[in-house]
Amino acid sequence: MADTQSMAAEIAEKRESVGLNHTLGVQFTKVTPEHLEAIMPITPAVHQPFGFLHGGATIALLESVASAGGEVACDVETEQPFGVEVNIRHKKSGKAGNLRGVAALAERVPSSRVGYKLIWDVAAYDDEGDVISDGTIVVKVVPKTYLAQKAAEREAARAGAAAF
């Protein structure tokens, strides 16, 4: 596996420049296979109608660090990570400053059917270090061969249905 600095740079380049992370201004600050951190500015763009930080923006930050963790913790050449479960408690809100999202790998468990699950303890902190939200996020890691097999089965079923 690549060294931590190059891994962090690769994650940052891939995840900060496009999509939701780019829209939210998420920047990764620490990336290891078992611990990730990122910051997101709290601006009016991520406020709910009453002027406070929107809980969905907080969840997006936390899912971003856990999902990046799934990517770092698996072999992306042969496996595909998917976020499958989010359980977040909101404890406090914010209006300005930065939100720091942290994901720490808590457990790796076999999946009931295929692959395995990575259970991440996540928390979002304000500039004062207070917990804004915390909880767990589960990332399922599935072999790409299994995904290809399922895609082929779906295609065969569609072709069979079209023949009738």
N, C-alpha and C. Protein backbone atom coordinates (compact mmCIF):
# COMPACT_ATOMS: atom_id res chain seq x y z
N MET A 1 0.85 -1.19 0.00
CA MET A 1 0.00 0.00 0.00
C MET A 1 0.89 1.24 0.00
N ALA A 2 0.42 2.29 -0.64
CA ALA A 2 1.19 3.52 -0.74
C ALA A 2 1.39 4.15 0.63
N ASP A 3 2.41 5.02 0.70
CA ASP A 3 2.63 5.69 1.98
C ASP A 3 1.47 6.63 2.29
N THR A 4 1.36 7.01 3.53
CA THR A 4 0.21 7.78 4.00
C THR A 4 0.07 9.12 3.27
N GLN A 5 1.18 9.82 3.02
CA GLN A 5 1.08 11.12 2.35
C GLN A 5 0.56 10.99 0.93
N SER A 6 1.06 10.02 0.17
CA SER A 6 0.58 9.87 -1.20
C SER A 6 -0.86 9.37 -1.21
N MET A 7 -1.22 8.52 -0.23
CA MET A 7 -2.60 8.04 -0.12
C MET A 7 -3.53 9.22 0.17
N ALA A 8 -3.14 10.08 1.08
CA ALA A 8 -3.95 11.25 1.40
C ALA A 8 -4.10 12.16 0.19
N ALA A 9 -3.03 12.36 -0.54
CA ALA A 9 -3.07 13.22 -1.73
C ALA A 9 -3.99 12.63 -2.79
N GLU A 10 -3.94 11.32 -2.98
CA GLU A 10 -4.79 10.66 -3.97
C GLU A 10 -6.26 10.77 -3.59
N ILE A 11 -6.57 10.52 -2.33
CA ILE A 11 -7.96 10.65 -1.86
C ILE A 11 -8.44 12.08 -2.04
N ALA A 12 -7.61 13.04 -1.65
CA ALA A 12 -8.00 14.45 -1.76
C ALA A 12 -8.26 14.81 -3.22
N GLU A 13 -7.38 14.42 -4.11
CA GLU A 13 -7.54 14.76 -5.52
C GLU A 13 -8.83 14.15 -6.09
N LYS A 14 -9.08 12.91 -5.76
CA LYS A 14 -10.25 12.20 -6.29
C LYS A 14 -11.55 12.71 -5.68
N ARG A 15 -11.57 13.02 -4.40
CA ARG A 15 -12.81 13.30 -3.70
C ARG A 15 -13.11 14.78 -3.48
N GLU A 16 -12.15 15.65 -3.64
CA GLU A 16 -12.41 17.07 -3.38
C GLU A 16 -12.73 17.87 -4.63
N SER A 17 -12.39 17.36 -5.79
CA SER A 17 -12.47 18.17 -7.00
C SER A 17 -13.79 18.07 -7.76
N VAL A 18 -14.63 17.09 -7.44
CA VAL A 18 -15.90 16.93 -8.15
C VAL A 18 -17.00 16.52 -7.18
N GLY A 19 -18.22 16.59 -7.66
CA GLY A 19 -19.36 16.05 -6.92
C GLY A 19 -19.70 16.80 -5.65
N LEU A 20 -20.37 16.08 -4.76
CA LEU A 20 -20.88 16.68 -3.53
C LEU A 20 -19.77 17.23 -2.64
N ASN A 21 -18.67 16.51 -2.52
CA ASN A 21 -17.57 17.01 -1.68
C ASN A 21 -17.08 18.36 -2.18
N HIS A 22 -16.97 18.51 -3.49
CA HIS A 22 -16.55 19.80 -4.07
C HIS A 22 -17.58 20.88 -3.75
N THR A 23 -18.85 20.55 -3.94
CA THR A 23 -19.93 21.50 -3.68
C THR A 23 -19.93 21.96 -2.22
N LEU A 24 -19.66 21.03 -1.30
CA LEU A 24 -19.66 21.35 0.13
C LEU A 24 -18.34 21.95 0.61
N GLY A 25 -17.30 21.92 -0.22
CA GLY A 25 -16.00 22.45 0.18
C GLY A 25 -15.23 21.53 1.10
N VAL A 26 -15.48 20.22 1.03
CA VAL A 26 -14.81 19.24 1.89
C VAL A 26 -13.34 19.12 1.50
N GLN A 27 -12.47 19.16 2.51
CA GLN A 27 -11.04 18.97 2.30
C GLN A 27 -10.53 17.92 3.28
N PHE A 28 -9.91 16.87 2.74
CA PHE A 28 -9.35 15.82 3.58
C PHE A 28 -8.04 16.28 4.20
N THR A 29 -7.90 16.05 5.50
CA THR A 29 -6.71 16.49 6.23
C THR A 29 -5.89 15.35 6.79
N LYS A 30 -6.50 14.17 6.94
CA LYS A 30 -5.78 13.00 7.44
C LYS A 30 -6.38 11.75 6.83
N VAL A 31 -5.53 10.90 6.28
CA VAL A 31 -6.02 9.67 5.64
C VAL A 31 -5.07 8.53 5.99
N THR A 32 -5.59 7.55 6.74
CA THR A 32 -4.89 6.30 6.97
C THR A 32 -5.93 5.20 6.80
N PRO A 33 -5.53 3.94 6.72
CA PRO A 33 -6.53 2.88 6.56
C PRO A 33 -7.51 2.75 7.72
N GLU A 34 -7.20 3.31 8.88
CA GLU A 34 -8.08 3.16 10.04
C GLU A 34 -8.58 4.48 10.63
N HIS A 35 -8.14 5.61 10.06
CA HIS A 35 -8.55 6.91 10.62
C HIS A 35 -8.49 7.97 9.53
N LEU A 36 -9.61 8.67 9.34
CA LEU A 36 -9.67 9.73 8.34
C LEU A 36 -10.30 10.97 8.95
N GLU A 37 -9.86 12.12 8.45
CA GLU A 37 -10.44 13.39 8.88
C GLU A 37 -10.58 14.30 7.68
N ALA A 38 -11.61 15.14 7.73
CA ALA A 38 -11.82 16.15 6.69
C ALA A 38 -12.52 17.34 7.34
N ILE A 39 -12.36 18.50 6.72
CA ILE A 39 -13.06 19.68 7.21
C ILE A 39 -14.01 20.19 6.13
N MET A 40 -15.06 20.86 6.59
CA MET A 40 -16.05 21.46 5.71
C MET A 40 -16.41 22.82 6.31
N PRO A 41 -16.36 23.89 5.52
CA PRO A 41 -16.75 25.19 6.06
C PRO A 41 -18.26 25.25 6.30
N ILE A 42 -18.62 25.86 7.41
CA ILE A 42 -20.04 26.09 7.71
C ILE A 42 -20.37 27.47 7.17
N THR A 43 -21.07 27.49 6.05
CA THR A 43 -21.45 28.74 5.39
C THR A 43 -22.96 28.74 5.17
N PRO A 44 -23.52 29.87 4.77
CA PRO A 44 -24.96 29.87 4.47
C PRO A 44 -25.37 28.83 3.42
N ALA A 45 -24.44 28.38 2.58
CA ALA A 45 -24.76 27.37 1.57
C ALA A 45 -25.14 26.03 2.20
N VAL A 46 -24.72 25.78 3.45
CA VAL A 46 -25.05 24.51 4.12
C VAL A 46 -25.96 24.73 5.32
N HIS A 47 -26.64 25.88 5.37
CA HIS A 47 -27.59 26.17 6.44
C HIS A 47 -28.97 25.65 6.07
N GLN A 48 -29.77 25.33 7.09
CA GLN A 48 -31.19 25.08 6.88
C GLN A 48 -31.91 26.43 6.94
N PRO A 49 -33.21 26.47 6.68
CA PRO A 49 -33.92 27.77 6.58
C PRO A 49 -33.81 28.68 7.81
N PHE A 50 -33.48 28.14 8.99
CA PHE A 50 -33.41 28.96 10.19
C PHE A 50 -32.01 29.48 10.48
N GLY A 51 -31.08 29.25 9.55
CA GLY A 51 -29.74 29.80 9.69
C GLY A 51 -28.74 28.92 10.42
N PHE A 52 -29.10 27.69 10.71
CA PHE A 52 -28.19 26.76 11.37
C PHE A 52 -27.68 25.73 10.37
N LEU A 53 -26.58 25.09 10.71
CA LEU A 53 -26.01 24.02 9.91
C LEU A 53 -27.06 22.94 9.64
N HIS A 54 -27.23 22.58 8.39
CA HIS A 54 -28.19 21.54 8.00
C HIS A 54 -27.64 20.18 8.39
N GLY A 55 -28.45 19.36 9.06
CA GLY A 55 -28.02 18.03 9.47
C GLY A 55 -27.60 17.16 8.30
N GLY A 56 -28.23 17.35 7.15
CA GLY A 56 -27.87 16.57 5.97
C GLY A 56 -26.47 16.87 5.48
N ALA A 57 -26.04 18.12 5.62
CA ALA A 57 -24.67 18.49 5.24
C ALA A 57 -23.68 17.81 6.18
N THR A 58 -24.02 17.77 7.46
CA THR A 58 -23.17 17.08 8.44
C THR A 58 -23.06 15.60 8.10
N ILE A 59 -24.19 14.99 7.80
CA ILE A 59 -24.18 13.57 7.44
C ILE A 59 -23.36 13.34 6.17
N ALA A 60 -23.48 14.25 5.20
CA ALA A 60 -22.70 14.11 3.97
C ALA A 60 -21.20 14.13 4.26
N LEU A 61 -20.77 15.02 5.16
CA LEU A 61 -19.36 15.06 5.54
C LEU A 61 -18.94 13.75 6.19
N LEU A 62 -19.75 13.26 7.13
CA LEU A 62 -19.39 12.03 7.83
C LEU A 62 -19.41 10.82 6.89
N GLU A 63 -20.36 10.76 5.98
CA GLU A 63 -20.37 9.66 5.03
C GLU A 63 -19.17 9.77 4.08
N SER A 64 -18.76 10.97 3.78
CA SER A 64 -17.59 11.14 2.91
C SER A 64 -16.32 10.59 3.54
N VAL A 65 -16.11 10.85 4.84
CA VAL A 65 -14.89 10.34 5.47
C VAL A 65 -14.97 8.81 5.63
N ALA A 66 -16.14 8.28 5.97
CA ALA A 66 -16.27 6.82 6.10
C ALA A 66 -16.13 6.13 4.74
N SER A 67 -16.72 6.71 3.70
CA SER A 67 -16.61 6.12 2.37
C SER A 67 -15.18 6.15 1.86
N ALA A 68 -14.49 7.24 2.10
CA ALA A 68 -13.07 7.30 1.73
C ALA A 68 -12.30 6.25 2.52
N GLY A 69 -12.68 6.05 3.77
CA GLY A 69 -12.05 5.01 4.57
C GLY A 69 -12.27 3.63 3.98
N GLY A 70 -13.47 3.38 3.47
CA GLY A 70 -13.73 2.11 2.82
C GLY A 70 -12.84 1.90 1.62
N GLU A 71 -12.62 2.96 0.87
CA GLU A 71 -11.74 2.87 -0.29
C GLU A 71 -10.30 2.58 0.12
N VAL A 72 -9.83 3.25 1.15
CA VAL A 72 -8.45 3.08 1.60
C VAL A 72 -8.25 1.70 2.23
N ALA A 73 -9.27 1.19 2.92
CA ALA A 73 -9.13 -0.06 3.66
C ALA A 73 -9.30 -1.31 2.79
N CYS A 74 -9.79 -1.15 1.56
CA CYS A 74 -9.99 -2.32 0.71
C CYS A 74 -9.03 -2.29 -0.48
N ASP A 75 -9.04 -3.34 -1.25
CA ASP A 75 -8.24 -3.43 -2.47
C ASP A 75 -9.12 -3.00 -3.63
N VAL A 76 -9.01 -1.73 -4.05
CA VAL A 76 -9.92 -1.21 -5.08
C VAL A 76 -9.70 -1.83 -6.46
N GLU A 77 -8.61 -2.56 -6.62
CA GLU A 77 -8.41 -3.28 -7.88
C GLU A 77 -9.38 -4.46 -7.99
N THR A 78 -9.71 -5.07 -6.86
CA THR A 78 -10.54 -6.28 -6.88
C THR A 78 -11.83 -6.15 -6.08
N GLU A 79 -11.99 -5.05 -5.33
CA GLU A 79 -13.15 -4.88 -4.46
C GLU A 79 -13.79 -3.51 -4.68
N GLN A 80 -15.08 -3.41 -4.39
CA GLN A 80 -15.82 -2.16 -4.51
C GLN A 80 -16.51 -1.84 -3.18
N PRO A 81 -16.21 -0.69 -2.56
CA PRO A 81 -16.90 -0.32 -1.33
C PRO A 81 -18.20 0.44 -1.62
N PHE A 82 -19.21 0.20 -0.80
CA PHE A 82 -20.50 0.88 -0.89
C PHE A 82 -20.95 1.28 0.51
N GLY A 83 -21.36 2.53 0.71
CA GLY A 83 -21.99 2.91 1.98
C GLY A 83 -23.36 2.27 2.03
N VAL A 84 -23.67 1.55 3.12
CA VAL A 84 -24.95 0.84 3.19
C VAL A 84 -25.80 1.20 4.40
N GLU A 85 -25.22 1.84 5.40
CA GLU A 85 -26.01 2.17 6.59
C GLU A 85 -25.43 3.40 7.27
N VAL A 86 -26.31 4.32 7.63
CA VAL A 86 -25.91 5.54 8.33
C VAL A 86 -26.77 5.68 9.58
N ASN A 87 -26.13 5.83 10.74
CA ASN A 87 -26.85 6.04 11.99
C ASN A 87 -26.16 7.20 12.71
N ILE A 88 -26.77 8.38 12.60
CA ILE A 88 -26.16 9.60 13.13
C ILE A 88 -27.12 10.27 14.11
N ARG A 89 -26.57 10.74 15.23
CA ARG A 89 -27.30 11.52 16.22
C ARG A 89 -26.79 12.96 16.16
N HIS A 90 -27.71 13.91 16.04
CA HIS A 90 -27.33 15.32 16.07
C HIS A 90 -27.44 15.81 17.51
N LYS A 91 -26.38 16.45 18.00
CA LYS A 91 -26.33 16.88 19.39
C LYS A 91 -26.31 18.39 19.55
N LYS A 92 -25.82 19.08 18.55
CA LYS A 92 -25.63 20.52 18.63
C LYS A 92 -25.60 21.03 17.19
N SER A 93 -25.79 22.30 16.99
CA SER A 93 -25.68 22.85 15.65
C SER A 93 -24.63 23.93 15.62
N GLY A 94 -24.45 24.49 14.47
CA GLY A 94 -23.49 25.57 14.30
C GLY A 94 -24.00 26.55 13.26
N LYS A 95 -23.36 27.72 13.21
CA LYS A 95 -23.74 28.74 12.23
C LYS A 95 -22.57 29.16 11.35
N ALA A 96 -21.35 29.00 11.86
CA ALA A 96 -20.17 29.46 11.12
C ALA A 96 -18.96 28.65 11.56
N GLY A 97 -17.84 28.91 10.91
CA GLY A 97 -16.60 28.21 11.25
C GLY A 97 -16.41 26.99 10.38
N ASN A 98 -15.75 26.00 10.93
CA ASN A 98 -15.49 24.75 10.21
C ASN A 98 -16.06 23.58 10.98
N LEU A 99 -16.42 22.56 10.24
CA LEU A 99 -16.87 21.31 10.81
C LEU A 99 -15.80 20.28 10.47
N ARG A 100 -15.31 19.56 11.48
CA ARG A 100 -14.29 18.53 11.26
C ARG A 100 -14.95 17.18 11.39
N GLY A 101 -14.90 16.40 10.31
CA GLY A 101 -15.46 15.06 10.31
C GLY A 101 -14.37 14.03 10.54
N VAL A 102 -14.61 13.09 11.43
CA VAL A 102 -13.63 12.06 11.79
C VAL A 102 -14.29 10.69 11.64
N ALA A 103 -13.55 9.77 11.01
CA ALA A 103 -14.01 8.38 10.92
C ALA A 103 -12.90 7.48 11.43
N ALA A 104 -13.23 6.62 12.39
CA ALA A 104 -12.27 5.66 12.95
C ALA A 104 -12.83 4.26 12.74
N LEU A 105 -12.02 3.39 12.14
CA LEU A 105 -12.48 2.03 11.89
C LEU A 105 -12.67 1.31 13.22
N ALA A 106 -13.90 0.86 13.46
CA ALA A 106 -14.21 0.17 14.72
C ALA A 106 -14.15 -1.34 14.57
N GLU A 107 -14.59 -1.84 13.40
CA GLU A 107 -14.68 -3.29 13.26
C GLU A 107 -14.77 -3.67 11.78
N ARG A 108 -14.20 -4.80 11.46
CA ARG A 108 -14.33 -5.41 10.14
C ARG A 108 -15.00 -6.77 10.37
N VAL A 109 -16.19 -6.97 9.78
CA VAL A 109 -16.94 -8.20 10.00
C VAL A 109 -17.35 -8.82 8.67
N PRO A 110 -17.44 -10.15 8.62
CA PRO A 110 -17.92 -10.80 7.39
C PRO A 110 -19.35 -10.39 7.10
N SER A 111 -19.67 -10.25 5.84
CA SER A 111 -21.05 -9.98 5.44
C SER A 111 -21.82 -11.29 5.42
N SER A 112 -23.11 -11.24 5.57
CA SER A 112 -23.91 -12.47 5.61
C SER A 112 -23.91 -13.20 4.27
N ARG A 113 -23.74 -12.48 3.16
CA ARG A 113 -23.79 -13.14 1.85
C ARG A 113 -22.45 -13.12 1.13
N VAL A 114 -21.86 -11.98 0.96
CA VAL A 114 -20.62 -11.87 0.20
C VAL A 114 -19.83 -10.67 0.70
N GLY A 115 -18.52 -10.75 0.67
CA GLY A 115 -17.68 -9.63 1.07
C GLY A 115 -17.63 -9.46 2.58
N TYR A 116 -17.42 -8.22 2.99
CA TYR A 116 -17.32 -7.90 4.41
C TYR A 116 -17.80 -6.48 4.64
N LYS A 117 -18.01 -6.15 5.91
CA LYS A 117 -18.47 -4.81 6.28
C LYS A 117 -17.42 -4.14 7.15
N LEU A 118 -17.24 -2.86 6.90
CA LEU A 118 -16.38 -2.01 7.71
C LEU A 118 -17.28 -1.09 8.51
N ILE A 119 -17.17 -1.17 9.82
CA ILE A 119 -18.01 -0.34 10.69
C ILE A 119 -17.14 0.81 11.19
N TRP A 120 -17.57 2.02 10.86
CA TRP A 120 -16.82 3.23 11.20
C TRP A 120 -17.54 4.00 12.29
N ASP A 121 -16.82 4.35 13.35
CA ASP A 121 -17.32 5.31 14.33
C ASP A 121 -17.02 6.68 13.75
N VAL A 122 -18.03 7.53 13.68
CA VAL A 122 -17.86 8.85 13.08
C VAL A 122 -18.32 9.94 14.05
N ALA A 123 -17.71 11.09 13.91
CA ALA A 123 -18.12 12.25 14.71
C ALA A 123 -17.76 13.52 13.95
N ALA A 124 -18.57 14.54 14.14
CA ALA A 124 -18.32 15.86 13.56
C ALA A 124 -18.14 16.84 14.72
N TYR A 125 -17.09 17.64 14.64
CA TYR A 125 -16.73 18.59 15.70
C TYR A 125 -16.72 20.01 15.17
N ASP A 126 -17.14 20.95 16.03
CA ASP A 126 -17.03 22.36 15.65
C ASP A 126 -15.64 22.88 16.00
N ASP A 127 -15.41 24.15 15.75
CA ASP A 127 -14.09 24.75 16.01
C ASP A 127 -13.69 24.71 17.48
N GLU A 128 -14.67 24.63 18.39
CA GLU A 128 -14.37 24.57 19.82
C GLU A 128 -14.10 23.14 20.29
N GLY A 129 -14.26 22.17 19.40
CA GLY A 129 -14.05 20.77 19.76
C GLY A 129 -15.28 20.08 20.29
N ASP A 130 -16.42 20.76 20.28
CA ASP A 130 -17.68 20.14 20.72
C ASP A 130 -18.21 19.21 19.65
N VAL A 131 -18.81 18.10 20.10
CA VAL A 131 -19.42 17.17 19.15
C VAL A 131 -20.72 17.77 18.63
N ILE A 132 -20.81 17.89 17.32
CA ILE A 132 -22.04 18.35 16.66
C ILE A 132 -22.94 17.15 16.40
N SER A 133 -22.35 16.08 15.85
CA SER A 133 -23.07 14.85 15.53
C SER A 133 -22.12 13.68 15.66
N ASP A 134 -22.67 12.49 15.98
CA ASP A 134 -21.84 11.29 16.02
C ASP A 134 -22.68 10.07 15.71
N GLY A 135 -22.03 8.95 15.48
CA GLY A 135 -22.74 7.72 15.20
C GLY A 135 -21.86 6.71 14.51
N THR A 136 -22.49 5.87 13.69
CA THR A 136 -21.75 4.85 12.95
C THR A 136 -22.19 4.86 11.49
N ILE A 137 -21.26 4.48 10.64
CA ILE A 137 -21.54 4.30 9.22
C ILE A 137 -20.95 2.96 8.81
N VAL A 138 -21.74 2.18 8.09
CA VAL A 138 -21.29 0.87 7.63
C VAL A 138 -21.01 0.94 6.14
N VAL A 139 -19.82 0.48 5.77
CA VAL A 139 -19.41 0.39 4.37
C VAL A 139 -19.26 -1.10 4.05
N LYS A 140 -19.99 -1.57 3.04
CA LYS A 140 -19.88 -2.96 2.61
C LYS A 140 -18.88 -3.02 1.47
N VAL A 141 -17.99 -4.00 1.52
CA VAL A 141 -16.99 -4.20 0.49
C VAL A 141 -17.30 -5.51 -0.22
N VAL A 142 -17.49 -5.41 -1.54
CA VAL A 142 -17.93 -6.54 -2.35
C VAL A 142 -16.87 -6.84 -3.42
N PRO A 143 -16.55 -8.12 -3.66
CA PRO A 143 -15.62 -8.44 -4.73
C PRO A 143 -16.18 -8.00 -6.09
N LYS A 144 -15.34 -7.43 -6.94
CA LYS A 144 -15.78 -6.99 -8.26
C LYS A 144 -16.22 -8.17 -9.13
N THR A 145 -15.65 -9.34 -8.88
CA THR A 145 -16.08 -10.53 -9.64
C THR A 145 -17.54 -10.85 -9.34
N TYR A 146 -17.96 -10.66 -8.10
CA TYR A 146 -19.36 -10.89 -7.72
C TYR A 146 -20.26 -9.88 -8.42
N LEU A 147 -19.84 -8.63 -8.46
CA LEU A 147 -20.64 -7.59 -9.13
C LEU A 147 -20.77 -7.90 -10.62
N ALA A 148 -19.69 -8.36 -11.25
CA ALA A 148 -19.73 -8.70 -12.67
C ALA A 148 -20.67 -9.88 -12.90
N GLN A 149 -20.62 -10.87 -12.03
CA GLN A 149 -21.49 -12.04 -12.14
C GLN A 149 -22.95 -11.61 -12.04
N LYS A 150 -23.28 -10.76 -11.08
CA LYS A 150 -24.66 -10.30 -10.90
C LYS A 150 -25.12 -9.48 -12.11
N ALA A 151 -24.24 -8.65 -12.66
CA ALA A 151 -24.59 -7.86 -13.85
C ALA A 151 -24.88 -8.78 -15.04
N ALA A 152 -24.07 -9.82 -15.20
CA ALA A 152 -24.29 -10.79 -16.29
C ALA A 152 -25.62 -11.52 -16.09
N GLU A 153 -25.95 -11.88 -14.86
CA GLU A 153 -27.22 -12.56 -14.59
C GLU A 153 -28.40 -11.65 -14.91
N ARG A 154 -28.30 -10.37 -14.54
CA ARG A 154 -29.38 -9.42 -14.85
C ARG A 154 -29.54 -9.24 -16.36
N GLU A 155 -28.43 -9.15 -17.06
CA GLU A 155 -28.47 -8.99 -18.52
C GLU A 155 -29.09 -10.22 -19.18
N ALA A 156 -28.73 -11.40 -18.71
CA ALA A 156 -29.30 -12.64 -19.25
C ALA A 156 -30.80 -12.70 -18.98
N ALA A 157 -31.22 -12.27 -17.81
CA ALA A 157 -32.65 -12.26 -17.48
C ALA A 157 -33.40 -11.28 -18.37
N ARG A 158 -32.81 -10.11 -18.64
CA ARG A 158 -33.45 -9.12 -19.53
C ARG A 158 -33.56 -9.67 -20.94
N ALA A 159 -32.49 -10.31 -21.41
CA ALA A 159 -32.50 -10.87 -22.76
C ALA A 159 -33.55 -11.96 -22.87
N GLY A 160 -33.66 -12.79 -21.83
CA GLY A 160 -34.68 -13.85 -21.82
C GLY A 160 -36.09 -13.28 -21.82
N ALA A 161 -36.30 -12.22 -21.06
CA ALA A 161 -37.63 -11.60 -21.00
C ALA A 161 -37.98 -10.94 -22.31
N ALA A 162 -36.98 -10.38 -23.00
CA ALA A 162 -37.22 -9.71 -24.26
C ALA A 162 -37.57 -10.71 -25.38
N ALA A 163 -37.14 -11.96 -25.22
CA ALA A 163 -37.39 -12.98 -26.23
C ALA A 163 -38.86 -13.40 -26.26
N PHE A 164 -39.59 -13.14 -25.21
CA PHE A 164 -40.99 -13.55 -25.16
C PHE A 164 -41.90 -12.56 -25.80
